[in-house]
Structure formats: structure tokens, C-alpha cells
Amino acid sequence: MTRLRVVAMAFAIVAAAWAQTSAAKEVSGALSARPLAPAGAIAVAGKHRLRAGTTAVLYVPAAIAAGAPAPFLLLLHGAGGKGEDMIRLFKEQADRRGIVLLAPDSADRSWDVALSMSGNDGAPSFGRDVKRIDAILQEAFARVDVDPQRVAVAGFSDGASTALSIGARNAALFPATLAFSAGGMVADWNGPTGRVFFSHGAKDRVLPIAIARDSLAPALRASGFAVTFVTFDGGHSLPAPVLEQAMVWWLGPGPDSP
């Protein structure tokens, strides 16, 4: 099945799922991990390899103020990628703003939410990645002092679809969700709502902008989420100015913001 066909199926199915919630397949995307006072030694500045449930990179910037809880960003990579890719992309922002980054690897070549869209019925659904992410979050929260009001989940491409799905189901944990070039999401949630930042290239030929702009964002707005949608003149990418805009949206202007 081609990627464009998968996208077309996802677009139609997401729209139908919101119109007919009772017909949507049962899913489970709830996370139990919560930021608490670290139980053991706090991780020192630098990269740390975590292996609770999945492999992941925890990045602790040197800019974290001593004794002050830090903002925390869970990063979900695109198809065929690794957590390390997201660390490289976000490291400069983390260093400037004192953000702790956690970037796990998916169990398969991509995340369950994205892979399920190419299954028999094309309906996005959760799988084993949720349990793995929950376990790695628990390990990270035990090693860093996190500000629970500044916890967010972000992803690119397939990772953005997964971030939207997890963020919508866990807004009490993630007050903010950032989706860069998303192509679908699990359309079944209830409970608290939060803020969502979308960015998408107007010329994206991998995951056309219409899916996020005309289906995903309106559905989240209708459910009570505060949605910001940013369009840029480009393709399937995350330009540095857009990333800066996203960080300002989440945390406000940084020390060196333009």
C-alpha cells in the first residue's frame, strides 16, 4: 500500500470516527507515569541511555537551575528514525531553555498508531508502544526534577500522529502537545483537555496538510482543546524558525529568542 493511499484512508477514517464514536474500536492509551520528586540520584548534565521497557535517550541540559524543577519534553521520532534523531533536532532549544528531553525508540520501524493505519481496516489504534513509553517515562521521572505544569509531548510525522493520540488521552500529564507534520490520530478520548500546536508544510507530499488542517485540528477544537495551527512554505520538514515558534508557544520567549 502506498503512503498516499494510507494517508487517504486515514483522513476518511478519522473523520468517520469522530462522527460515529460508538463505532470506533476500543483503544487504551492511558499513561500512569507522573512527575514526582526524584527517588534516587538526580541525573547529571548530558545524555543518559535508559532501558526500562524500551531504549531511549534522556538529555539533561547544563542550563537547568539548581533546585528548580525543569520543563520536560517527550519526543517521538518519525518512521524509520530513532530517539537520537530527535535529541539532535531539539538539543539547541534544550540547552537554551533548560528543557529535559526524553526520546524513546519505537518497538517497530514506526509507532503502533502509524502502523495500524496500514492494517486491515486502517483505523489508528494503540499497541505495545504505549506500555513501553509509560515505563520509560517512569524511569525518567525518577531521575530528574520535573515541573508538572511544563510537561509536553512532541513528535514529527508518524511521531506527531502518536504524540497527538497520546497527548489527547493524557492531557492531565501533558498540558501541551506539539505535532509537526501529523497524518492521523486515535480518535477516542475523554477527560481533561489541553493545548495543541500543529505545524505543517503547505507543500508536504508525504502527509498532505489537508489531513491535519481540515480534520485533526478542527476535531480537537470541537472537543475543547486550544489549537494553534502554523503553516509554512515547505514540505515534510521541521524548519528551525517553526521549531522556535513552537517553543515560544509552549514556554514563552527564551533568553535568546529573536
C-alpha atoms as a PDB file:
ATOM      1  CA  MET A   1       0.000   0.000   0.000  1.00  0.00           C
ATOM      2  CA  THR A   2       1.421   3.398  -0.950  1.00  0.00           C
ATOM      3  CA  ARG A   3       1.910   6.127   1.652  1.00  0.00           C
ATOM      4  CA  LEU A   4      -0.588   8.393  -0.157  1.00  0.00           C
ATOM      5  CA  ARG A   5      -3.218   5.671  -0.067  1.00  0.00           C
ATOM      6  CA  VAL A   6      -2.609   5.183   3.650  1.00  0.00           C
ATOM      7  CA  VAL A   7      -2.998   8.931   4.125  1.00  0.00           C
ATOM      8  CA  ALA A   8      -6.260   8.983   2.203  1.00  0.00           C
ATOM      9  CA  MET A   9      -7.598   6.106   4.270  1.00  0.00           C
ATOM     10  CA  ALA A  10      -6.527   7.787   7.487  1.00  0.00           C
ATOM     11  CA  PHE A  11      -8.256  11.027   6.513  1.00  0.00           C
ATOM     12  CA  ALA A  12     -11.555   9.297   5.798  1.00  0.00           C
ATOM     13  CA  ILE A  13     -11.426   7.075   8.861  1.00  0.00           C
ATOM     14  CA  VAL A  14     -10.546   9.862  11.281  1.00  0.00           C
ATOM     15  CA  ALA A  15     -13.499  11.916  10.045  1.00  0.00           C
ATOM     16  CA  ALA A  16     -15.852   8.953  10.388  1.00  0.00           C
ATOM     17  CA  ALA A  17     -14.555   8.068  13.840  1.00  0.00           C
ATOM     18  CA  TRP A  18     -15.480  11.454  15.246  1.00  0.00           C
ATOM     19  CA  ALA A  19     -18.896  11.330  13.607  1.00  0.00           C
ATOM     20  CA  GLN A  20     -19.603   7.817  14.885  1.00  0.00           C
ATOM     21  CA  THR A  21     -17.728   7.396  18.171  1.00  0.00           C
ATOM     22  CA  SER A  22     -19.714   4.314  19.104  1.00  0.00           C
ATOM     23  CA  ALA A  23     -18.376   2.558  16.046  1.00  0.00           C
ATOM     24  CA  ALA A  24     -14.731   3.301  16.851  1.00  0.00           C
ATOM     25  CA  LYS A  25     -12.629   0.389  18.014  1.00  0.00           C
ATOM     26  CA  GLU A  26     -11.797   0.202  21.691  1.00  0.00           C
ATOM     27  CA  VAL A  27      -8.365   1.615  22.475  1.00  0.00           C
ATOM     28  CA  SER A  28      -6.225   2.048  25.558  1.00  0.00           C
ATOM     29  CA  GLY A  29      -3.709   4.872  25.575  1.00  0.00           C
ATOM     30  CA  ALA A  30      -3.731   5.979  29.219  1.00  0.00           C
ATOM     31  CA  LEU A  31      -0.362   6.511  30.913  1.00  0.00           C
ATOM     32  CA  SER A  32       0.222   6.061  34.647  1.00  0.00           C
ATOM     33  CA  ALA A  33       3.628   7.794  34.879  1.00  0.00           C
ATOM     34  CA  ARG A  34       3.630  11.117  36.731  1.00  0.00           C
ATOM     35  CA  PRO A  35       6.458  13.519  37.623  1.00  0.00           C
ATOM     36  CA  LEU A  36       7.311  13.220  41.310  1.00  0.00           C
ATOM     37  CA  ALA A  37      10.269  14.182  43.451  1.00  0.00           C
ATOM     38  CA  PRO A  38      13.187  12.047  42.179  1.00  0.00           C
ATOM     39  CA  ALA A  39      13.524   8.851  44.216  1.00  0.00           C
ATOM     40  CA  GLY A  40      17.252   8.477  43.677  1.00  0.00           C
ATOM     41  CA  ALA A  41      20.272  10.380  42.448  1.00  0.00           C
ATOM     42  CA  ILE A  42      19.368  13.138  40.004  1.00  0.00           C
ATOM     43  CA  ALA A  43      20.876  12.630  36.559  1.00  0.00           C
ATOM     44  CA  VAL A  44      23.842  14.872  35.795  1.00  0.00           C
ATOM     45  CA  ALA A  45      24.001  17.047  32.687  1.00  0.00           C
ATOM     46  CA  GLY A  46      24.459  15.154  29.435  1.00  0.00           C
ATOM     47  CA  LYS A  47      22.998  12.125  27.657  1.00  0.00           C
ATOM     48  CA  HIS A  48      21.816   9.044  29.512  1.00  0.00           C
ATOM     49  CA  ARG A  49      20.708   5.728  27.992  1.00  0.00           C
ATOM     50  CA  LEU A  50      17.531   4.364  29.573  1.00  0.00           C
ATOM     51  CA  ARG A  51      16.218   0.842  29.053  1.00  0.00           C
ATOM     52  CA  ALA A  52      13.007   0.493  31.098  1.00  0.00           C
ATOM     53  CA  GLY A  53      10.638  -1.144  28.631  1.00  0.00           C
ATOM     54  CA  THR A  54      12.371   0.367  25.597  1.00  0.00           C
ATOM     55  CA  THR A  55      15.606   2.048  24.642  1.00  0.00           C
ATOM     56  CA  ALA A  56      15.622   5.821  24.986  1.00  0.00           C
ATOM     57  CA  VAL A  57      17.896   8.810  25.324  1.00  0.00           C
ATOM     58  CA  LEU A  58      17.428  11.158  28.281  1.00  0.00           C
ATOM     59  CA  TYR A  59      19.117  14.516  27.749  1.00  0.00           C
ATOM     60  CA  VAL A  60      19.699  16.789  30.734  1.00  0.00           C
ATOM     61  CA  PRO A  61      20.997  20.256  29.783  1.00  0.00           C
ATOM     62  CA  ALA A  62      23.578  22.052  31.870  1.00  0.00           C
ATOM     63  CA  ALA A  63      21.307  25.115  31.924  1.00  0.00           C
ATOM     64  CA  ILE A  64      18.902  23.608  34.468  1.00  0.00           C
ATOM     65  CA  ALA A  65      18.788  25.838  37.528  1.00  0.00           C
ATOM     66  CA  ALA A  66      19.947  24.067  40.669  1.00  0.00           C
ATOM     67  CA  GLY A  67      16.999  23.003  42.780  1.00  0.00           C
ATOM     68  CA  ALA A  68      14.413  24.212  40.251  1.00  0.00           C
ATOM     69  CA  PRO A  69      12.006  21.764  38.559  1.00  0.00           C
ATOM     70  CA  ALA A  70      12.626  21.724  34.799  1.00  0.00           C
ATOM     71  CA  PRO A  71      10.336  21.672  31.771  1.00  0.00           C
ATOM     72  CA  PHE A  72      10.168  18.191  30.250  1.00  0.00           C
ATOM     73  CA  LEU A  73       9.586  17.198  26.624  1.00  0.00           C
ATOM     74  CA  LEU A  74       8.814  13.670  25.412  1.00  0.00           C
ATOM     75  CA  LEU A  75       9.963  13.389  21.779  1.00  0.00           C
ATOM     76  CA  LEU A  76       8.637  10.824  19.284  1.00  0.00           C
ATOM     77  CA  HIS A  77      10.598  10.251  16.078  1.00  0.00           C
ATOM     78  CA  GLY A  78       9.318   9.731  12.539  1.00  0.00           C
ATOM     79  CA  ALA A  79       9.139   6.451  10.607  1.00  0.00           C
ATOM     80  CA  GLY A  80      12.487   4.700  10.350  1.00  0.00           C
ATOM     81  CA  GLY A  81      14.038   7.074  12.860  1.00  0.00           C
ATOM     82  CA  LYS A  82      15.442   6.785  16.355  1.00  0.00           C
ATOM     83  CA  GLY A  83      15.153   8.794  19.525  1.00  0.00           C
ATOM     84  CA  GLU A  84      18.687  10.064  18.988  1.00  0.00           C
ATOM     85  CA  ASP A  85      17.474  11.879  15.851  1.00  0.00           C
ATOM     86  CA  MET A  86      15.037  13.936  17.913  1.00  0.00           C
ATOM     87  CA  ILE A  87      17.663  14.745  20.543  1.00  0.00           C
ATOM     88  CA  ARG A  88      19.886  16.227  17.827  1.00  0.00           C
ATOM     89  CA  LEU A  89      16.977  18.265  16.464  1.00  0.00           C
ATOM     90  CA  PHE A  90      15.905  19.699  19.834  1.00  0.00           C
ATOM     91  CA  LYS A  91      19.240  19.904  21.687  1.00  0.00           C
ATOM     92  CA  GLU A  92      19.905  23.577  20.913  1.00  0.00           C
ATOM     93  CA  GLN A  93      16.481  24.547  22.261  1.00  0.00           C
ATOM     94  CA  ALA A  94      17.002  22.354  25.321  1.00  0.00           C
ATOM     95  CA  ASP A  95      20.354  23.967  26.071  1.00  0.00           C
ATOM     96  CA  ARG A  96      18.970  27.492  25.722  1.00  0.00           C
ATOM     97  CA  ARG A  97      15.798  26.919  27.702  1.00  0.00           C
ATOM     98  CA  GLY A  98      16.829  24.271  30.217  1.00  0.00           C
ATOM     99  CA  ILE A  99      14.465  21.593  28.877  1.00  0.00           C
ATOM    100  CA  VAL A 100      14.903  17.934  29.825  1.00  0.00           C
ATOM    101  CA  LEU A 101      14.409  15.762  26.723  1.00  0.00           C
ATOM    102  CA  LEU A 102      13.318  12.114  26.614  1.00  0.00           C
ATOM    103  CA  ALA A 103      13.368  10.400  23.224  1.00  0.00           C
ATOM    104  CA  PRO A 104      12.416   6.700  23.117  1.00  0.00           C
ATOM    105  CA  ASP A 105      12.702   4.322  20.169  1.00  0.00           C
ATOM    106  CA  SER A 106       9.575   2.743  18.704  1.00  0.00           C
ATOM    107  CA  ALA A 107       9.174  -1.027  19.039  1.00  0.00           C
ATOM    108  CA  ASP A 108       8.942  -1.485  15.259  1.00  0.00           C
ATOM    109  CA  ARG A 109      10.013   0.560  12.242  1.00  0.00           C
ATOM    110  CA  SER A 110       7.472   3.159  13.343  1.00  0.00           C
ATOM    111  CA  TRP A 111       4.917   3.699  16.111  1.00  0.00           C
ATOM    112  CA  ASP A 112       1.861   1.472  16.549  1.00  0.00           C
ATOM    113  CA  VAL A 113      -0.538   4.332  15.827  1.00  0.00           C
ATOM    114  CA  ALA A 114       1.028   4.928  12.412  1.00  0.00           C
ATOM    115  CA  LEU A 115       1.461   1.247  11.518  1.00  0.00           C
ATOM    116  CA  SER A 116      -2.157   0.493  12.394  1.00  0.00           C
ATOM    117  CA  MET A 117      -3.306   2.883   9.655  1.00  0.00           C
ATOM    118  CA  SER A 118      -1.979   0.426   7.063  1.00  0.00           C
ATOM    119  CA  GLY A 119      -3.712  -2.563   8.691  1.00  0.00           C
ATOM    120  CA  ASN A 120      -6.857  -4.360   7.630  1.00  0.00           C
ATOM    121  CA  ASP A 121      -9.320  -1.579   8.460  1.00  0.00           C
ATOM    122  CA  GLY A 122      -6.946   1.380   8.550  1.00  0.00           C
ATOM    123  CA  ALA A 123      -8.266   2.644  11.896  1.00  0.00           C
ATOM    124  CA  PRO A 124      -5.493   4.123  14.077  1.00  0.00           C
ATOM    125  CA  SER A 125      -5.071   2.232  17.343  1.00  0.00           C
ATOM    126  CA  PHE A 126      -2.646   1.881  20.224  1.00  0.00           C
ATOM    127  CA  GLY A 127      -0.360  -1.111  20.736  1.00  0.00           C
ATOM    128  CA  ARG A 128       2.675  -2.102  22.778  1.00  0.00           C
ATOM    129  CA  ASP A 129       4.378   1.278  22.337  1.00  0.00           C
ATOM    130  CA  VAL A 130       2.109   2.831  24.988  1.00  0.00           C
ATOM    131  CA  LYS A 131       3.300   0.457  27.712  1.00  0.00           C
ATOM    132  CA  ARG A 132       6.917   0.976  26.674  1.00  0.00           C
ATOM    133  CA  ILE A 133       6.563   4.759  26.733  1.00  0.00           C
ATOM    134  CA  ASP A 134       4.883   4.611  30.140  1.00  0.00           C
ATOM    135  CA  ALA A 135       7.771   2.566  31.572  1.00  0.00           C
ATOM    136  CA  ILE A 136      10.467   4.838  30.180  1.00  0.00           C
ATOM    137  CA  LEU A 137       8.632   7.921  31.470  1.00  0.00           C
ATOM    138  CA  GLN A 138       8.563   6.409  34.957  1.00  0.00           C
ATOM    139  CA  GLU A 139      12.317   5.825  34.835  1.00  0.00           C
ATOM    140  CA  ALA A 140      12.985   9.357  33.582  1.00  0.00           C
ATOM    141  CA  PHE A 141      10.737  10.970  36.197  1.00  0.00           C
ATOM    142  CA  ALA A 142      12.665   9.080  38.893  1.00  0.00           C
ATOM    143  CA  ARG A 143      15.925  10.653  37.707  1.00  0.00           C
ATOM    144  CA  VAL A 144      15.053  14.304  37.051  1.00  0.00           C
ATOM    145  CA  ASP A 145      13.136  17.010  38.902  1.00  0.00           C
ATOM    146  CA  VAL A 146      10.272  17.927  36.560  1.00  0.00           C
ATOM    147  CA  ASP A 147       7.791  20.797  36.669  1.00  0.00           C
ATOM    148  CA  PRO A 148       4.400  19.058  36.170  1.00  0.00           C
ATOM    149  CA  GLN A 149       2.919  22.231  34.665  1.00  0.00           C
ATOM    150  CA  ARG A 150       5.550  22.232  31.909  1.00  0.00           C
ATOM    151  CA  VAL A 151       5.411  18.664  30.614  1.00  0.00           C
ATOM    152  CA  ALA A 152       4.750  18.239  26.893  1.00  0.00           C
ATOM    153  CA  VAL A 153       4.806  15.579  24.187  1.00  0.00           C
ATOM    154  CA  ALA A 154       6.027  16.344  20.680  1.00  0.00           C
ATOM    155  CA  GLY A 155       6.547  14.350  17.527  1.00  0.00           C
ATOM    156  CA  PHE A 156       7.389  14.586  13.849  1.00  0.00           C
ATOM    157  CA  SER A 157       5.464  12.794  11.071  1.00  0.00           C
ATOM    158  CA  ASP A 158       4.435   9.356  12.424  1.00  0.00           C
ATOM    159  CA  GLY A 159       5.707  10.560  15.788  1.00  0.00           C
ATOM    160  CA  ALA A 160       3.362  13.549  15.540  1.00  0.00           C
ATOM    161  CA  SER A 161       0.391  11.247  14.956  1.00  0.00           C
ATOM    162  CA  THR A 162       1.399   9.282  18.041  1.00  0.00           C
ATOM    163  CA  ALA A 163       2.008  12.438  20.078  1.00  0.00           C
ATOM    164  CA  LEU A 164      -1.488  13.691  19.230  1.00  0.00           C
ATOM    165  CA  SER A 165      -3.027  10.353  20.164  1.00  0.00           C
ATOM    166  CA  ILE A 166      -1.175  10.085  23.475  1.00  0.00           C
ATOM    167  CA  GLY A 167      -1.464  13.772  24.300  1.00  0.00           C
ATOM    168  CA  ALA A 168      -5.227  13.868  23.786  1.00  0.00           C
ATOM    169  CA  ARG A 169      -5.728  10.833  26.018  1.00  0.00           C
ATOM    170  CA  ASN A 170      -3.340  12.121  28.715  1.00  0.00           C
ATOM    171  CA  ALA A 171      -3.855  15.886  28.910  1.00  0.00           C
ATOM    172  CA  ALA A 172      -3.544  15.719  32.711  1.00  0.00           C
ATOM    173  CA  LEU A 173       0.069  14.590  32.211  1.00  0.00           C
ATOM    174  CA  PHE A 174       0.751  16.599  29.033  1.00  0.00           C
ATOM    175  CA  PRO A 175      -0.846  20.070  29.242  1.00  0.00           C
ATOM    176  CA  ALA A 176       0.748  20.761  25.847  1.00  0.00           C
ATOM    177  CA  THR A 177       1.116  18.661  22.691  1.00  0.00           C
ATOM    178  CA  LEU A 178       3.215  19.637  19.670  1.00  0.00           C
ATOM    179  CA  ALA A 179       2.545  17.901  16.346  1.00  0.00           C
ATOM    180  CA  PHE A 180       4.911  18.591  13.462  1.00  0.00           C
ATOM    181  CA  SER A 181       3.525  17.242  10.143  1.00  0.00           C
ATOM    182  CA  ALA A 182       0.956  14.822  11.590  1.00  0.00           C
ATOM    183  CA  GLY A 183      -1.022  12.397   9.440  1.00  0.00           C
ATOM    184  CA  GLY A 184      -3.620  10.843  11.766  1.00  0.00           C
ATOM    185  CA  MET A 185      -4.515  10.020  15.343  1.00  0.00           C
ATOM    186  CA  VAL A 186      -6.556   7.679  17.506  1.00  0.00           C
ATOM    187  CA  ALA A 187      -9.977   9.321  17.619  1.00  0.00           C
ATOM    188  CA  ASP A 188     -11.208   8.178  21.011  1.00  0.00           C
ATOM    189  CA  TRP A 189     -10.628  10.077  24.253  1.00  0.00           C
ATOM    190  CA  ASN A 190     -12.321  11.731  27.195  1.00  0.00           C
ATOM    191  CA  GLY A 191     -11.264  13.711  30.223  1.00  0.00           C
ATOM    192  CA  PRO A 192      -9.210  16.895  30.539  1.00  0.00           C
ATOM    193  CA  THR A 193      -8.221  18.959  27.515  1.00  0.00           C
ATOM    194  CA  GLY A 194      -5.050  20.922  26.885  1.00  0.00           C
ATOM    195  CA  ARG A 195      -3.212  22.984  24.284  1.00  0.00           C
ATOM    196  CA  VAL A 196      -2.118  21.661  20.887  1.00  0.00           C
ATOM    197  CA  PHE A 197       0.395  23.180  18.449  1.00  0.00           C
ATOM    198  CA  PHE A 198       0.348  21.998  14.834  1.00  0.00           C
ATOM    199  CA  SER A 199       2.842  22.880  12.132  1.00  0.00           C
ATOM    200  CA  HIS A 200       2.657  21.635   8.562  1.00  0.00           C
ATOM    201  CA  GLY A 201       4.314  22.427   5.250  1.00  0.00           C
ATOM    202  CA  ALA A 202       1.919  23.654   2.579  1.00  0.00           C
ATOM    203  CA  LYS A 203       3.841  21.578   0.001  1.00  0.00           C
ATOM    204  CA  ASP A 204       4.060  18.371   2.059  1.00  0.00           C
ATOM    205  CA  ARG A 205       3.679  15.419  -0.336  1.00  0.00           C
ATOM    206  CA  VAL A 206       4.314  12.723   2.275  1.00  0.00           C
ATOM    207  CA  LEU A 207       1.444  13.610   4.607  1.00  0.00           C
ATOM    208  CA  PRO A 208      -0.622  16.317   2.870  1.00  0.00           C
ATOM    209  CA  ILE A 209      -1.571  19.288   5.017  1.00  0.00           C
ATOM    210  CA  ALA A 210      -5.317  18.777   4.490  1.00  0.00           C
ATOM    211  CA  ILE A 211      -5.374  15.859   6.936  1.00  0.00           C
ATOM    212  CA  ALA A 212      -4.137  17.895   9.879  1.00  0.00           C
ATOM    213  CA  ARG A 213      -5.654  21.241   8.877  1.00  0.00           C
ATOM    214  CA  ASP A 214      -9.127  20.088   7.843  1.00  0.00           C
ATOM    215  CA  SER A 215      -9.680  17.012  10.031  1.00  0.00           C
ATOM    216  CA  LEU A 216      -7.413  16.655  13.057  1.00  0.00           C
ATOM    217  CA  ALA A 217      -7.222  20.275  14.213  1.00  0.00           C
ATOM    218  CA  PRO A 218     -10.978  21.002  13.871  1.00  0.00           C
ATOM    219  CA  ALA A 219     -11.865  17.807  15.742  1.00  0.00           C
ATOM    220  CA  LEU A 220      -9.612  18.732  18.651  1.00  0.00           C
ATOM    221  CA  ARG A 221     -11.018  22.265  18.743  1.00  0.00           C
ATOM    222  CA  ALA A 222     -14.544  20.859  18.820  1.00  0.00           C
ATOM    223  CA  SER A 223     -13.558  18.738  21.823  1.00  0.00           C
ATOM    224  CA  GLY A 224     -12.332  21.743  23.797  1.00  0.00           C
ATOM    225  CA  PHE A 225      -8.609  21.753  23.044  1.00  0.00           C
ATOM    226  CA  ALA A 226      -6.937  25.128  22.441  1.00  0.00           C
ATOM    227  CA  VAL A 227      -5.413  24.617  18.996  1.00  0.00           C
ATOM    228  CA  THR A 228      -2.759  26.681  17.211  1.00  0.00           C
ATOM    229  CA  PHE A 229      -2.068  25.787  13.568  1.00  0.00           C
ATOM    230  CA  VAL A 230       1.025  27.104  11.781  1.00  0.00           C
ATOM    231  CA  THR A 231       1.502  26.662   8.037  1.00  0.00           C
ATOM    232  CA  PHE A 232       4.879  27.223   6.398  1.00  0.00           C
ATOM    233  CA  ASP A 233       6.037  27.293   2.795  1.00  0.00           C
ATOM    234  CA  GLY A 234       7.798  23.965   2.598  1.00  0.00           C
ATOM    235  CA  GLY A 235       7.472  20.205   2.522  1.00  0.00           C
ATOM    236  CA  HIS A 236       7.699  17.369   5.039  1.00  0.00           C
ATOM    237  CA  SER A 237      10.119  19.017   7.445  1.00  0.00           C
ATOM    238  CA  LEU A 238      10.562  20.995  10.649  1.00  0.00           C
ATOM    239  CA  PRO A 239      12.359  24.268   9.856  1.00  0.00           C
ATOM    240  CA  ALA A 240      14.294  25.933  12.663  1.00  0.00           C
ATOM    241  CA  PRO A 241      12.080  29.076  12.698  1.00  0.00           C
ATOM    242  CA  VAL A 242       8.980  26.898  13.122  1.00  0.00           C
ATOM    243  CA  LEU A 243      10.622  24.981  15.964  1.00  0.00           C
ATOM    244  CA  GLU A 244      11.472  28.289  17.638  1.00  0.00           C
ATOM    245  CA  GLN A 245       7.856  29.416  17.228  1.00  0.00           C
ATOM    246  CA  ALA A 246       6.668  26.164  18.792  1.00  0.00           C
ATOM    247  CA  MET A 247       8.955  26.568  21.801  1.00  0.00           C
ATOM    248  CA  VAL A 248       7.788  30.154  22.343  1.00  0.00           C
ATOM    249  CA  TRP A 249       4.183  28.911  22.144  1.00  0.00           C
ATOM    250  CA  TRP A 250       4.944  26.309  24.816  1.00  0.00           C
ATOM    251  CA  LEU A 251       7.284  28.089  27.230  1.00  0.00           C
ATOM    252  CA  GLY A 252       7.283  31.730  26.184  1.00  0.00           C
ATOM    253  CA  PRO A 253      10.265  33.703  24.834  1.00  0.00           C
ATOM    254  CA  GLY A 254      13.625  32.209  25.714  1.00  0.00           C
ATOM    255  CA  PRO A 255      16.724  34.080  26.871  1.00  0.00           C
ATOM    256  CA  ASP A 256      17.978  34.477  23.286  1.00  0.00           C
ATOM    257  CA  SER A 257      14.693  34.482  21.346  1.00  0.00           C
ATOM    258  CA  PRO A 258      14.630  36.776  18.297  1.00  0.00           C
END
